[in-house]
Amino acid sequence: QVQLVESGGGLVQPGESLRLSCAVSQSISRFNVLGWYRQAPGKQRELVASISSGGTSFYADFVKGRFTISRDNAKNTVALQMNSLRPEDTAVYYCKLTVLLTRDDYWGQGTQVTVSS
């Protein structure tokens, strides 16, 4: 069973930064997409950013220019650098692995990000 473990969440003030990290229990070097999603209270889970094993990245409009997704295939990790955080970024952030050959999805348990003054 593939496991994903997020870390790096916390409480920050508006304008500050956080870096989330997700460790995957298996090799991520090929044929997959890693993504960060978030879910705020009372709202649906939404895609924040994703990056393929080939390095192609995608960003939701609401984080473009502020967040950066990156992956380290040697360490089986994916990170989300979040800058210029806003109160509306407050949510539980989840890491997801999609295995392209089988179309299986694996989720982490989530990490809370709270942006408040």
PDB file of N, CA and C in Angstrom:
ATOM      1  N   GLN A   1       0.833  -1.181   0.000  1.00  0.00           N
ATOM      2  CA  GLN A   1       0.000   0.000   0.000  1.00  0.00           C
ATOM      3  C   GLN A   1       0.883   1.253   0.000  1.00  0.00           C
ATOM      4  N   VAL A   2       0.610   2.129  -0.935  1.00  0.00           N
ATOM      5  CA  VAL A   2       1.376   3.362  -1.032  1.00  0.00           C
ATOM      6  C   VAL A   2       0.935   4.310   0.079  1.00  0.00           C
ATOM      7  N   GLN A   3       1.900   4.922   0.729  1.00  0.00           N
ATOM      8  CA  GLN A   3       1.597   5.897   1.773  1.00  0.00           C
ATOM      9  C   GLN A   3       2.198   7.251   1.427  1.00  0.00           C
ATOM     10  N   LEU A   4       1.446   8.302   1.716  1.00  0.00           N
ATOM     11  CA  LEU A   4       1.913   9.661   1.535  1.00  0.00           C
ATOM     12  C   LEU A   4       1.788  10.377   2.876  1.00  0.00           C
ATOM     13  N   VAL A   5       2.823  11.070   3.260  1.00  0.00           N
ATOM     14  CA  VAL A   5       2.830  11.766   4.540  1.00  0.00           C
ATOM     15  C   VAL A   5       3.221  13.218   4.313  1.00  0.00           C
ATOM     16  N   GLU A   6       2.266  14.128   4.623  1.00  0.00           N
ATOM     17  CA  GLU A   6       2.523  15.552   4.486  1.00  0.00           C
ATOM     18  C   GLU A   6       3.116  16.117   5.767  1.00  0.00           C
ATOM     19  N   SER A   7       3.846  17.200   5.606  1.00  0.00           N
ATOM     20  CA  SER A   7       4.376  17.933   6.758  1.00  0.00           C
ATOM     21  C   SER A   7       4.572  19.384   6.361  1.00  0.00           C
ATOM     22  N   GLY A   8       4.731  20.236   7.368  1.00  0.00           N
ATOM     23  CA  GLY A   8       5.063  21.624   7.105  1.00  0.00           C
ATOM     24  C   GLY A   8       3.953  22.622   7.316  1.00  0.00           C
ATOM     25  N   GLY A   9       2.759  22.158   7.631  1.00  0.00           N
ATOM     26  CA  GLY A   9       1.669  23.091   7.865  1.00  0.00           C
ATOM     27  C   GLY A   9       1.865  23.870   9.157  1.00  0.00           C
ATOM     28  N   GLY A  10       0.999  24.864   9.344  1.00  0.00           N
ATOM     29  CA  GLY A  10       1.089  25.639  10.567  1.00  0.00           C
ATOM     30  C   GLY A  10       0.276  26.901  10.495  1.00  0.00           C
ATOM     31  N   LEU A  11       0.514  27.774  11.462  1.00  0.00           N
ATOM     32  CA  LEU A  11      -0.169  29.061  11.557  1.00  0.00           C
ATOM     33  C   LEU A  11       0.806  30.173  11.184  1.00  0.00           C
ATOM     34  N   VAL A  12       0.427  30.970  10.197  1.00  0.00           N
ATOM     35  CA  VAL A  12       1.259  32.088   9.781  1.00  0.00           C
ATOM     36  C   VAL A  12       0.387  33.320   9.606  1.00  0.00           C
ATOM     37  N   GLN A  13       1.048  34.475   9.528  1.00  0.00           N
ATOM     38  CA  GLN A  13       0.341  35.713   9.289  1.00  0.00           C
ATOM     39  C   GLN A  13       0.250  35.997   7.797  1.00  0.00           C
ATOM     40  N   PRO A  14      -0.724  36.791   7.391  1.00  0.00           N
ATOM     41  CA  PRO A  14      -0.827  37.151   5.971  1.00  0.00           C
ATOM     42  C   PRO A  14       0.489  37.725   5.458  1.00  0.00           C
ATOM     43  N   GLY A  15       0.852  37.304   4.247  1.00  0.00           N
ATOM     44  CA  GLY A  15       2.089  37.762   3.632  1.00  0.00           C
ATOM     45  C   GLY A  15       3.287  36.875   3.896  1.00  0.00           C
ATOM     46  N   GLU A  16       3.173  35.990   4.860  1.00  0.00           N
ATOM     47  CA  GLU A  16       4.281  35.105   5.187  1.00  0.00           C
ATOM     48  C   GLU A  16       4.300  33.875   4.276  1.00  0.00           C
ATOM     49  N   SER A  17       5.289  33.023   4.518  1.00  0.00           N
ATOM     50  CA  SER A  17       5.494  31.853   3.666  1.00  0.00           C
ATOM     51  C   SER A  17       5.477  30.567   4.476  1.00  0.00           C
ATOM     52  N   LEU A  18       5.152  29.479   3.784  1.00  0.00           N
ATOM     53  CA  LEU A  18       5.253  28.136   4.331  1.00  0.00           C
ATOM     54  C   LEU A  18       5.702  27.206   3.230  1.00  0.00           C
ATOM     55  N   ARG A  19       6.369  26.151   3.634  1.00  0.00           N
ATOM     56  CA  ARG A  19       6.763  25.122   2.672  1.00  0.00           C
ATOM     57  C   ARG A  19       6.205  23.786   3.138  1.00  0.00           C
ATOM     58  N   LEU A  20       5.359  23.208   2.313  1.00  0.00           N
ATOM     59  CA  LEU A  20       4.804  21.891   2.595  1.00  0.00           C
ATOM     60  C   LEU A  20       5.638  20.834   1.895  1.00  0.00           C
ATOM     61  N   SER A  21       5.729  19.684   2.524  1.00  0.00           N
ATOM     62  CA  SER A  21       6.453  18.575   1.926  1.00  0.00           C
ATOM     63  C   SER A  21       5.614  17.308   2.046  1.00  0.00           C
ATOM     64  N   CYS A  22       5.757  16.441   1.071  1.00  0.00           N
ATOM     65  CA  CYS A  22       5.025  15.174   1.062  1.00  0.00           C
ATOM     66  C   CYS A  22       6.011  14.064   0.696  1.00  0.00           C
ATOM     67  N   ALA A  23       6.109  13.083   1.568  1.00  0.00           N
ATOM     68  CA  ALA A  23       6.981  11.938   1.331  1.00  0.00           C
ATOM     69  C   ALA A  23       6.144  10.752   0.875  1.00  0.00           C
ATOM     70  N   VAL A  24       6.576  10.128  -0.209  1.00  0.00           N
ATOM     71  CA  VAL A  24       5.869   8.985  -0.788  1.00  0.00           C
ATOM     72  C   VAL A  24       6.655   7.719  -0.506  1.00  0.00           C
ATOM     73  N   SER A  25       5.932   6.647  -0.183  1.00  0.00           N
ATOM     74  CA  SER A  25       6.601   5.429   0.279  1.00  0.00           C
ATOM     75  C   SER A  25       7.132   4.551  -0.852  1.00  0.00           C
ATOM     76  N   GLN A  26       6.936   4.980  -2.107  1.00  0.00           N
ATOM     77  CA  GLN A  26       7.480   4.204  -3.207  1.00  0.00           C
ATOM     78  C   GLN A  26       8.136   5.129  -4.216  1.00  0.00           C
ATOM     79  N   SER A  27       8.849   4.542  -5.149  1.00  0.00           N
ATOM     80  CA  SER A  27       9.522   5.343  -6.157  1.00  0.00           C
ATOM     81  C   SER A  27       8.508   6.143  -6.969  1.00  0.00           C
ATOM     82  N   ILE A  28       8.843   7.395  -7.230  1.00  0.00           N
ATOM     83  CA  ILE A  28       7.955   8.261  -8.006  1.00  0.00           C
ATOM     84  C   ILE A  28       8.606   8.717  -9.303  1.00  0.00           C
ATOM     85  N   SER A  29       9.622   7.987  -9.733  1.00  0.00           N
ATOM     86  CA  SER A  29      10.424   8.489 -10.845  1.00  0.00           C
ATOM     87  C   SER A  29       9.702   8.477 -12.189  1.00  0.00           C
ATOM     88  N   ARG A  30       8.685   7.604 -12.364  1.00  0.00           N
ATOM     89  CA  ARG A  30       8.085   7.487 -13.691  1.00  0.00           C
ATOM     90  C   ARG A  30       6.576   7.348 -13.650  1.00  0.00           C
ATOM     91  N   PHE A  31       5.928   7.857 -14.728  1.00  0.00           N
ATOM     92  CA  PHE A  31       4.520   7.606 -15.027  1.00  0.00           C
ATOM     93  C   PHE A  31       3.564   7.950 -13.901  1.00  0.00           C
ATOM     94  N   ASN A  32       3.692   9.149 -13.370  1.00  0.00           N
ATOM     95  CA  ASN A  32       2.764   9.553 -12.336  1.00  0.00           C
ATOM     96  C   ASN A  32       2.629  11.075 -12.309  1.00  0.00           C
ATOM     97  N   VAL A  33       1.636  11.494 -11.592  1.00  0.00           N
ATOM     98  CA  VAL A  33       1.439  12.920 -11.341  1.00  0.00           C
ATOM     99  C   VAL A  33       1.282  13.100  -9.839  1.00  0.00           C
ATOM    100  N   LEU A  34       1.979  14.067  -9.306  1.00  0.00           N
ATOM    101  CA  LEU A  34       1.845  14.430  -7.895  1.00  0.00           C
ATOM    102  C   LEU A  34       1.140  15.768  -7.811  1.00  0.00           C
ATOM    103  N   GLY A  35       0.180  15.847  -6.911  1.00  0.00           N
ATOM    104  CA  GLY A  35      -0.576  17.081  -6.793  1.00  0.00           C
ATOM    105  C   GLY A  35      -0.817  17.487  -5.361  1.00  0.00           C
ATOM    106  N   TRP A  36      -1.026  18.787  -5.185  1.00  0.00           N
ATOM    107  CA  TRP A  36      -1.447  19.338  -3.902  1.00  0.00           C
ATOM    108  C   TRP A  36      -2.879  19.847  -4.070  1.00  0.00           C
ATOM    109  N   TYR A  37      -3.719  19.439  -3.153  1.00  0.00           N
ATOM    110  CA  TYR A  37      -5.108  19.864  -3.113  1.00  0.00           C
ATOM    111  C   TYR A  37      -5.360  20.536  -1.763  1.00  0.00           C
ATOM    112  N   ARG A  38      -6.452  21.258  -1.682  1.00  0.00           N
ATOM    113  CA  ARG A  38      -6.804  21.841  -0.395  1.00  0.00           C
ATOM    114  C   ARG A  38      -8.312  21.818  -0.220  1.00  0.00           C
ATOM    115  N   GLN A  39      -8.711  21.791   1.041  1.00  0.00           N
ATOM    116  CA  GLN A  39     -10.122  21.811   1.365  1.00  0.00           C
ATOM    117  C   GLN A  39     -10.348  22.711   2.573  1.00  0.00           C
ATOM    118  N   ALA A  40     -11.099  23.773   2.335  1.00  0.00           N
ATOM    119  CA  ALA A  40     -11.467  24.691   3.408  1.00  0.00           C
ATOM    120  C   ALA A  40     -12.791  24.232   4.009  1.00  0.00           C
ATOM    121  N   PRO A  41     -13.062  24.629   5.247  1.00  0.00           N
ATOM    122  CA  PRO A  41     -14.321  24.224   5.883  1.00  0.00           C
ATOM    123  C   PRO A  41     -15.530  24.611   5.053  1.00  0.00           C
ATOM    124  N   GLY A  42     -16.405  23.655   4.821  1.00  0.00           N
ATOM    125  CA  GLY A  42     -17.624  23.915   4.078  1.00  0.00           C
ATOM    126  C   GLY A  42     -17.459  23.993   2.573  1.00  0.00           C
ATOM    127  N   LYS A  43     -16.251  23.747   2.097  1.00  0.00           N
ATOM    128  CA  LYS A  43     -15.989  23.839   0.658  1.00  0.00           C
ATOM    129  C   LYS A  43     -15.496  22.497   0.119  1.00  0.00           C
ATOM    130  N   GLN A  44     -15.582  22.367  -1.195  1.00  0.00           N
ATOM    131  CA  GLN A  44     -15.086  21.149  -1.840  1.00  0.00           C
ATOM    132  C   GLN A  44     -13.563  21.183  -1.933  1.00  0.00           C
ATOM    133  N   ARG A  45     -12.995  20.001  -1.988  1.00  0.00           N
ATOM    134  CA  ARG A  45     -11.552  19.905  -2.188  1.00  0.00           C
ATOM    135  C   ARG A  45     -11.225  20.401  -3.595  1.00  0.00           C
ATOM    136  N   GLU A  46     -10.149  21.180  -3.706  1.00  0.00           N
ATOM    137  CA  GLU A  46      -9.780  21.743  -5.001  1.00  0.00           C
ATOM    138  C   GLU A  46      -8.295  21.550  -5.271  1.00  0.00           C
ATOM    139  N   LEU A  47      -7.988  21.457  -6.555  1.00  0.00           N
ATOM    140  CA  LEU A  47      -6.596  21.307  -6.971  1.00  0.00           C
ATOM    141  C   LEU A  47      -5.868  22.641  -6.820  1.00  0.00           C
ATOM    142  N   VAL A  48      -4.696  22.581  -6.213  1.00  0.00           N
ATOM    143  CA  VAL A  48      -3.855  23.764  -6.060  1.00  0.00           C
ATOM    144  C   VAL A  48      -2.757  23.769  -7.126  1.00  0.00           C
ATOM    145  N   ALA A  49      -2.050  22.665  -7.234  1.00  0.00           N
ATOM    146  CA  ALA A  49      -0.951  22.556  -8.192  1.00  0.00           C
ATOM    147  C   ALA A  49      -0.627  21.095  -8.397  1.00  0.00           C
ATOM    148  N   SER A  50      -0.048  20.788  -9.550  1.00  0.00           N
ATOM    149  CA  SER A  50       0.367  19.418  -9.830  1.00  0.00           C
ATOM    150  C   SER A  50       1.639  19.443 -10.663  1.00  0.00           C
ATOM    151  N   ILE A  51       2.337  18.308 -10.632  1.00  0.00           N
ATOM    152  CA  ILE A  51       3.561  18.186 -11.412  1.00  0.00           C
ATOM    153  C   ILE A  51       3.713  16.739 -11.849  1.00  0.00           C
ATOM    154  N   SER A  52       4.004  16.551 -13.127  1.00  0.00           N
ATOM    155  CA  SER A  52       4.125  15.202 -13.663  1.00  0.00           C
ATOM    156  C   SER A  52       5.530  14.665 -13.433  1.00  0.00           C
ATOM    157  N   SER A  53       5.686  13.369 -13.662  1.00  0.00           N
ATOM    158  CA  SER A  53       7.012  12.774 -13.528  1.00  0.00           C
ATOM    159  C   SER A  53       7.973  13.325 -14.571  1.00  0.00           C
ATOM    160  N   GLY A  54       7.420  13.895 -15.638  1.00  0.00           N
ATOM    161  CA  GLY A  54       8.262  14.533 -16.646  1.00  0.00           C
ATOM    162  C   GLY A  54       8.603  15.967 -16.319  1.00  0.00           C
ATOM    163  N   GLY A  55       7.987  16.478 -15.238  1.00  0.00           N
ATOM    164  CA  GLY A  55       8.324  17.827 -14.803  1.00  0.00           C
ATOM    165  C   GLY A  55       7.346  18.911 -15.218  1.00  0.00           C
ATOM    166  N   THR A  56       6.281  18.541 -15.923  1.00  0.00           N
ATOM    167  CA  THR A  56       5.292  19.544 -16.327  1.00  0.00           C
ATOM    168  C   THR A  56       4.421  19.924 -15.144  1.00  0.00           C
ATOM    169  N   SER A  57       4.303  21.204 -14.887  1.00  0.00           N
ATOM    170  CA  SER A  57       3.539  21.667 -13.728  1.00  0.00           C
ATOM    171  C   SER A  57       2.282  22.415 -14.158  1.00  0.00           C
ATOM    172  N   PHE A  58       1.327  22.429 -13.259  1.00  0.00           N
ATOM    173  CA  PHE A  58       0.059  23.133 -13.449  1.00  0.00           C
ATOM    174  C   PHE A  58      -0.268  23.857 -12.151  1.00  0.00           C
ATOM    175  N   TYR A  59      -0.823  25.061 -12.278  1.00  0.00           N
ATOM    176  CA  TYR A  59      -1.215  25.838 -11.109  1.00  0.00           C
ATOM    177  C   TYR A  59      -2.634  26.349 -11.273  1.00  0.00           C
ATOM    178  N   ALA A  60      -3.387  26.291 -10.198  1.00  0.00           N
ATOM    179  CA  ALA A  60      -4.683  26.945 -10.198  1.00  0.00           C
ATOM    180  C   ALA A  60      -4.469  28.449 -10.278  1.00  0.00           C
ATOM    181  N   ASP A  61      -5.397  29.147 -10.886  1.00  0.00           N
ATOM    182  CA  ASP A  61      -5.250  30.592 -11.077  1.00  0.00           C
ATOM    183  C   ASP A  61      -5.049  31.322  -9.760  1.00  0.00           C
ATOM    184  N   PHE A  62      -5.682  30.839  -8.699  1.00  0.00           N
ATOM    185  CA  PHE A  62      -5.640  31.576  -7.445  1.00  0.00           C
ATOM    186  C   PHE A  62      -4.293  31.462  -6.728  1.00  0.00           C
ATOM    187  N   VAL A  63      -3.358  30.653  -7.231  1.00  0.00           N
ATOM    188  CA  VAL A  63      -2.040  30.565  -6.611  1.00  0.00           C
ATOM    189  C   VAL A  63      -0.907  30.923  -7.577  1.00  0.00           C
ATOM    190  N   LYS A  64      -1.225  31.183  -8.811  1.00  0.00           N
ATOM    191  CA  LYS A  64      -0.182  31.504  -9.787  1.00  0.00           C
ATOM    192  C   LYS A  64       0.625  32.711  -9.337  1.00  0.00           C
ATOM    193  N   GLY A  65       1.930  32.559  -9.401  1.00  0.00           N
ATOM    194  CA  GLY A  65       2.817  33.635  -8.999  1.00  0.00           C
ATOM    195  C   GLY A  65       3.129  33.648  -7.516  1.00  0.00           C
ATOM    196  N   ARG A  66       2.421  32.851  -6.732  1.00  0.00           N
ATOM    197  CA  ARG A  66       2.658  32.817  -5.282  1.00  0.00           C
ATOM    198  C   ARG A  66       3.182  31.464  -4.816  1.00  0.00           C
ATOM    199  N   PHE A  67       2.679  30.385  -5.397  1.00  0.00           N
ATOM    200  CA  PHE A  67       3.055  29.036  -4.987  1.00  0.00           C
ATOM    201  C   PHE A  67       3.923  28.387  -6.064  1.00  0.00           C
ATOM    202  N   THR A  68       4.818  27.518  -5.620  1.00  0.00           N
ATOM    203  CA  THR A  68       5.667  26.759  -6.536  1.00  0.00           C
ATOM    204  C   THR A  68       5.697  25.306  -6.106  1.00  0.00           C
ATOM    205  N   ILE A  69       5.393  24.426  -7.050  1.00  0.00           N
ATOM    206  CA  ILE A  69       5.455  22.987  -6.777  1.00  0.00           C
ATOM    207  C   ILE A  69       6.753  22.431  -7.344  1.00  0.00           C
ATOM    208  N   SER A  70       7.341  21.503  -6.624  1.00  0.00           N
ATOM    209  CA  SER A  70       8.576  20.873  -7.087  1.00  0.00           C
ATOM    210  C   SER A  70       8.602  19.429  -6.595  1.00  0.00           C
ATOM    211  N   ARG A  71       9.404  18.631  -7.270  1.00  0.00           N
ATOM    212  CA  ARG A  71       9.510  17.230  -6.869  1.00  0.00           C
ATOM    213  C   ARG A  71      10.964  16.796  -6.906  1.00  0.00           C
ATOM    214  N   ASP A  72      11.286  15.854  -6.043  1.00  0.00           N
ATOM    215  CA  ASP A  72      12.622  15.272  -6.000  1.00  0.00           C
ATOM    216  C   ASP A  72      12.437  13.764  -6.158  1.00  0.00           C
ATOM    217  N   ASN A  73      12.635  13.288  -7.367  1.00  0.00           N
ATOM    218  CA  ASN A  73      12.389  11.868  -7.632  1.00  0.00           C
ATOM    219  C   ASN A  73      13.370  10.964  -6.887  1.00  0.00           C
ATOM    220  N   ALA A  74      14.538  11.459  -6.609  1.00  0.00           N
ATOM    221  CA  ALA A  74      15.526  10.644  -5.888  1.00  0.00           C
ATOM    222  C   ALA A  74      15.110  10.427  -4.435  1.00  0.00           C
ATOM    223  N   LYS A  75      14.427  11.422  -3.882  1.00  0.00           N
ATOM    224  CA  LYS A  75      13.995  11.334  -2.483  1.00  0.00           C
ATOM    225  C   LYS A  75      12.526  10.958  -2.344  1.00  0.00           C
ATOM    226  N   ASN A  76      11.833  10.795  -3.474  1.00  0.00           N
ATOM    227  CA  ASN A  76      10.403  10.456  -3.462  1.00  0.00           C
ATOM    228  C   ASN A  76       9.587  11.481  -2.679  1.00  0.00           C
ATOM    229  N   THR A  77       9.842  12.735  -2.969  1.00  0.00           N
ATOM    230  CA  THR A  77       9.121  13.803  -2.277  1.00  0.00           C
ATOM    231  C   THR A  77       8.598  14.839  -3.258  1.00  0.00           C
ATOM    232  N   VAL A  78       7.553  15.517  -2.835  1.00  0.00           N
ATOM    233  CA  VAL A  78       7.019  16.654  -3.572  1.00  0.00           C
ATOM    234  C   VAL A  78       6.805  17.776  -2.564  1.00  0.00           C
ATOM    235  N   ALA A  79       7.095  18.981  -2.985  1.00  0.00           N
ATOM    236  CA  ALA A  79       6.996  20.125  -2.085  1.00  0.00           C
ATOM    237  C   ALA A  79       6.109  21.205  -2.686  1.00  0.00           C
ATOM    238  N   LEU A  80       5.574  22.031  -1.826  1.00  0.00           N
ATOM    239  CA  LEU A  80       4.790  23.180  -2.251  1.00  0.00           C
ATOM    240  C   LEU A  80       5.287  24.389  -1.471  1.00  0.00           C
ATOM    241  N   GLN A  81       5.980  25.269  -2.154  1.00  0.00           N
ATOM    242  CA  GLN A  81       6.438  26.519  -1.546  1.00  0.00           C
ATOM    243  C   GLN A  81       5.329  27.544  -1.688  1.00  0.00           C
ATOM    244  N   MET A  82       4.850  28.045  -0.566  1.00  0.00           N
ATOM    245  CA  MET A  82       3.725  28.980  -0.567  1.00  0.00           C
ATOM    246  C   MET A  82       4.195  30.329  -0.050  1.00  0.00           C
ATOM    247  N   ASN A  83       4.175  31.323  -0.895  1.00  0.00           N
ATOM    248  CA  ASN A  83       4.578  32.673  -0.532  1.00  0.00           C
ATOM    249  C   ASN A  83       3.366  33.607  -0.566  1.00  0.00           C
ATOM    250  N   SER A  84       3.525  34.747   0.065  1.00  0.00           N
ATOM    251  CA  SER A  84       2.461  35.762   0.073  1.00  0.00           C
ATOM    252  C   SER A  84       1.112  35.157   0.456  1.00  0.00           C
ATOM    253  N   LEU A  85       1.111  34.419   1.533  1.00  0.00           N
ATOM    254  CA  LEU A  85      -0.110  33.721   1.943  1.00  0.00           C
ATOM    255  C   LEU A  85      -1.205  34.693   2.346  1.00  0.00           C
ATOM    256  N   ARG A  86      -2.424  34.288   2.060  1.00  0.00           N
ATOM    257  CA  ARG A  86      -3.614  35.099   2.332  1.00  0.00           C
ATOM    258  C   ARG A  86      -4.552  34.326   3.262  1.00  0.00           C
ATOM    259  N   PRO A  87      -5.410  35.005   3.956  1.00  0.00           N
ATOM    260  CA  PRO A  87      -6.373  34.298   4.818  1.00  0.00           C
ATOM    261  C   PRO A  87      -7.193  33.273   4.050  1.00  0.00           C
ATOM    262  N   GLU A  88      -7.494  33.558   2.804  1.00  0.00           N
ATOM    263  CA  GLU A  88      -8.292  32.621   2.000  1.00  0.00           C
ATOM    264  C   GLU A  88      -7.518  31.364   1.607  1.00  0.00           C
ATOM    265  N   ASP A  89      -6.229  31.319   1.893  1.00  0.00           N
ATOM    266  CA  ASP A  89      -5.451  30.102   1.667  1.00  0.00           C
ATOM    267  C   ASP A  89      -5.598  29.113   2.826  1.00  0.00           C
ATOM    268  N   THR A  90      -6.278  29.521   3.870  1.00  0.00           N
ATOM    269  CA  THR A  90      -6.492  28.644   5.011  1.00  0.00           C
ATOM    270  C   THR A  90      -7.286  27.412   4.602  1.00  0.00           C
ATOM    271  N   ALA A  91      -6.726  26.259   4.873  1.00  0.00           N
ATOM    272  CA  ALA A  91      -7.353  24.995   4.479  1.00  0.00           C
ATOM    273  C   ALA A  91      -6.496  23.834   4.967  1.00  0.00           C
ATOM    274  N   VAL A  92      -7.043  22.646   4.835  1.00  0.00           N
ATOM    275  CA  VAL A  92      -6.231  21.442   4.983  1.00  0.00           C
ATOM    276  C   VAL A  92      -5.663  21.116   3.598  1.00  0.00           C
ATOM    277  N   TYR A  93      -4.372  20.944   3.540  1.00  0.00           N
ATOM    278  CA  TYR A  93      -3.695  20.680   2.282  1.00  0.00           C
ATOM    279  C   TYR A  93      -3.343  19.192   2.199  1.00  0.00           C
ATOM    280  N   TYR A  94      -3.699  18.613   1.062  1.00  0.00           N
ATOM    281  CA  TYR A  94      -3.494  17.180   0.842  1.00  0.00           C
ATOM    282  C   TYR A  94      -2.563  16.952  -0.342  1.00  0.00           C
ATOM    283  N   CYS A  95      -1.766  15.926  -0.227  1.00  0.00           N
ATOM    284  CA  CYS A  95      -0.903  15.475  -1.309  1.00  0.00           C
ATOM    285  C   CYS A  95      -1.569  14.261  -1.971  1.00  0.00           C
ATOM    286  N   LYS A  96      -1.511  14.191  -3.276  1.00  0.00           N
ATOM    287  CA  LYS A  96      -2.082  13.064  -4.007  1.00  0.00           C
ATOM    288  C   LYS A  96      -1.111  12.555  -5.059  1.00  0.00           C
ATOM    289  N   LEU A  97      -1.014  11.232  -5.131  1.00  0.00           N
ATOM    290  CA  LEU A  97      -0.236  10.569  -6.176  1.00  0.00           C
ATOM    291  C   LEU A  97      -1.207   9.879  -7.123  1.00  0.00           C
ATOM    292  N   THR A  98      -1.092  10.157  -8.400  1.00  0.00           N
ATOM    293  CA  THR A  98      -1.852   9.451  -9.427  1.00  0.00           C
ATOM    294  C   THR A  98      -0.887   8.611 -10.249  1.00  0.00           C
ATOM    295  N   VAL A  99      -1.094   7.307 -10.236  1.00  0.00           N
ATOM    296  CA  VAL A  99      -0.257   6.403 -11.026  1.00  0.00           C
ATOM    297  C   VAL A  99      -0.901   6.268 -12.404  1.00  0.00           C
ATOM    298  N   LEU A 100      -0.233   6.750 -13.420  1.00  0.00           N
ATOM    299  CA  LEU A 100      -0.847   6.868 -14.735  1.00  0.00           C
ATOM    300  C   LEU A 100      -1.155   5.511 -15.371  1.00  0.00           C
ATOM    301  N   LEU A 101      -0.334   4.518 -15.137  1.00  0.00           N
ATOM    302  CA  LEU A 101      -0.544   3.221 -15.787  1.00  0.00           C
ATOM    303  C   LEU A 101      -1.784   2.514 -15.247  1.00  0.00           C
ATOM    304  N   THR A 102      -2.103   2.705 -13.984  1.00  0.00           N
ATOM    305  CA  THR A 102      -3.231   2.018 -13.374  1.00  0.00           C
ATOM    306  C   THR A 102      -4.385   2.961 -13.041  1.00  0.00           C
ATOM    307  N   ARG A 103      -4.134   4.256 -13.151  1.00  0.00           N
ATOM    308  CA  ARG A 103      -5.107   5.299 -12.787  1.00  0.00           C
ATOM    309  C   ARG A 103      -5.484   5.232 -11.306  1.00  0.00           C
ATOM    310  N   ASP A 104      -4.646   4.667 -10.483  1.00  0.00           N
ATOM    311  CA  ASP A 104      -4.893   4.626  -9.049  1.00  0.00           C
ATOM    312  C   ASP A 104      -4.491   5.954  -8.432  1.00  0.00           C
ATOM    313  N   ASP A 105      -5.265   6.377  -7.450  1.00  0.00           N
ATOM    314  CA  ASP A 105      -4.976   7.587  -6.685  1.00  0.00           C
ATOM    315  C   ASP A 105      -4.673   7.230  -5.236  1.00  0.00           C
ATOM    316  N   TYR A 106      -3.688   7.911  -4.674  1.00  0.00           N
ATOM    317  CA  TYR A 106      -3.333   7.724  -3.280  1.00  0.00           C
ATOM    318  C   TYR A 106      -3.247   9.108  -2.633  1.00  0.00           C
ATOM    319  N   TRP A 107      -3.824   9.206  -1.430  1.00  0.00           N
ATOM    320  CA  TRP A 107      -3.886  10.484  -0.730  1.00  0.00           C
ATOM    321  C   TRP A 107      -3.116  10.431   0.589  1.00  0.00           C
ATOM    322  N   GLY A 108      -2.593  11.569   0.955  1.00  0.00           N
ATOM    323  CA  GLY A 108      -2.050  11.721   2.289  1.00  0.00           C
ATOM    324  C   GLY A 108      -3.146  12.091   3.268  1.00  0.00           C
ATOM    325  N   GLN A 109      -2.771  12.239   4.518  1.00  0.00           N
ATOM    326  CA  GLN A 109      -3.750  12.501   5.572  1.00  0.00           C
ATOM    327  C   GLN A 109      -4.070  13.986   5.722  1.00  0.00           C
ATOM    328  N   GLY A 110      -3.271  14.823   5.102  1.00  0.00           N
ATOM    329  CA  GLY A 110      -3.534  16.258   5.131  1.00  0.00           C
ATOM    330  C   GLY A 110      -2.737  16.983   6.207  1.00  0.00           C
ATOM    331  N   THR A 111      -2.477  18.252   5.949  1.00  0.00           N
ATOM    332  CA  THR A 111      -1.809  19.111   6.925  1.00  0.00           C
ATOM    333  C   THR A 111      -2.512  20.465   6.935  1.00  0.00           C
ATOM    334  N   GLN A 112      -2.743  20.989   8.118  1.00  0.00           N
ATOM    335  CA  GLN A 112      -3.510  22.221   8.268  1.00  0.00           C
ATOM    336  C   GLN A 112      -2.624  23.439   8.027  1.00  0.00           C
ATOM    337  N   VAL A 113      -3.125  24.335   7.198  1.00  0.00           N
ATOM    338  CA  VAL A 113      -2.483  25.635   6.989  1.00  0.00           C
ATOM    339  C   VAL A 113      -3.494  26.708   7.401  1.00  0.00           C
ATOM    340  N   THR A 114      -3.086  27.547   8.321  1.00  0.00           N
ATOM    341  CA  THR A 114      -3.949  28.630   8.796  1.00  0.00           C
ATOM    342  C   THR A 114      -3.224  29.952   8.617  1.00  0.00           C
ATOM    343  N   VAL A 115      -3.875  30.865   7.909  1.00  0.00           N
ATOM    344  CA  VAL A 115      -3.305  32.183   7.668  1.00  0.00           C
ATOM    345  C   VAL A 115      -4.197  33.199   8.368  1.00  0.00           C
ATOM    346  N   SER A 116      -3.651  33.795   9.406  1.00  0.00           N
ATOM    347  CA  SER A 116      -4.463  34.697  10.215  1.00  0.00           C
ATOM    348  C   SER A 116      -3.576  35.678  10.951  1.00  0.00           C
ATOM    349  N   SER A 117      -4.088  36.885  11.111  1.00  0.00           N
ATOM    350  CA  SER A 117      -3.357  37.877  11.884  1.00  0.00           C
ATOM    351  C   SER A 117      -3.816  37.869  13.341  1.00  0.00           C
TER     352      SER A 117
END
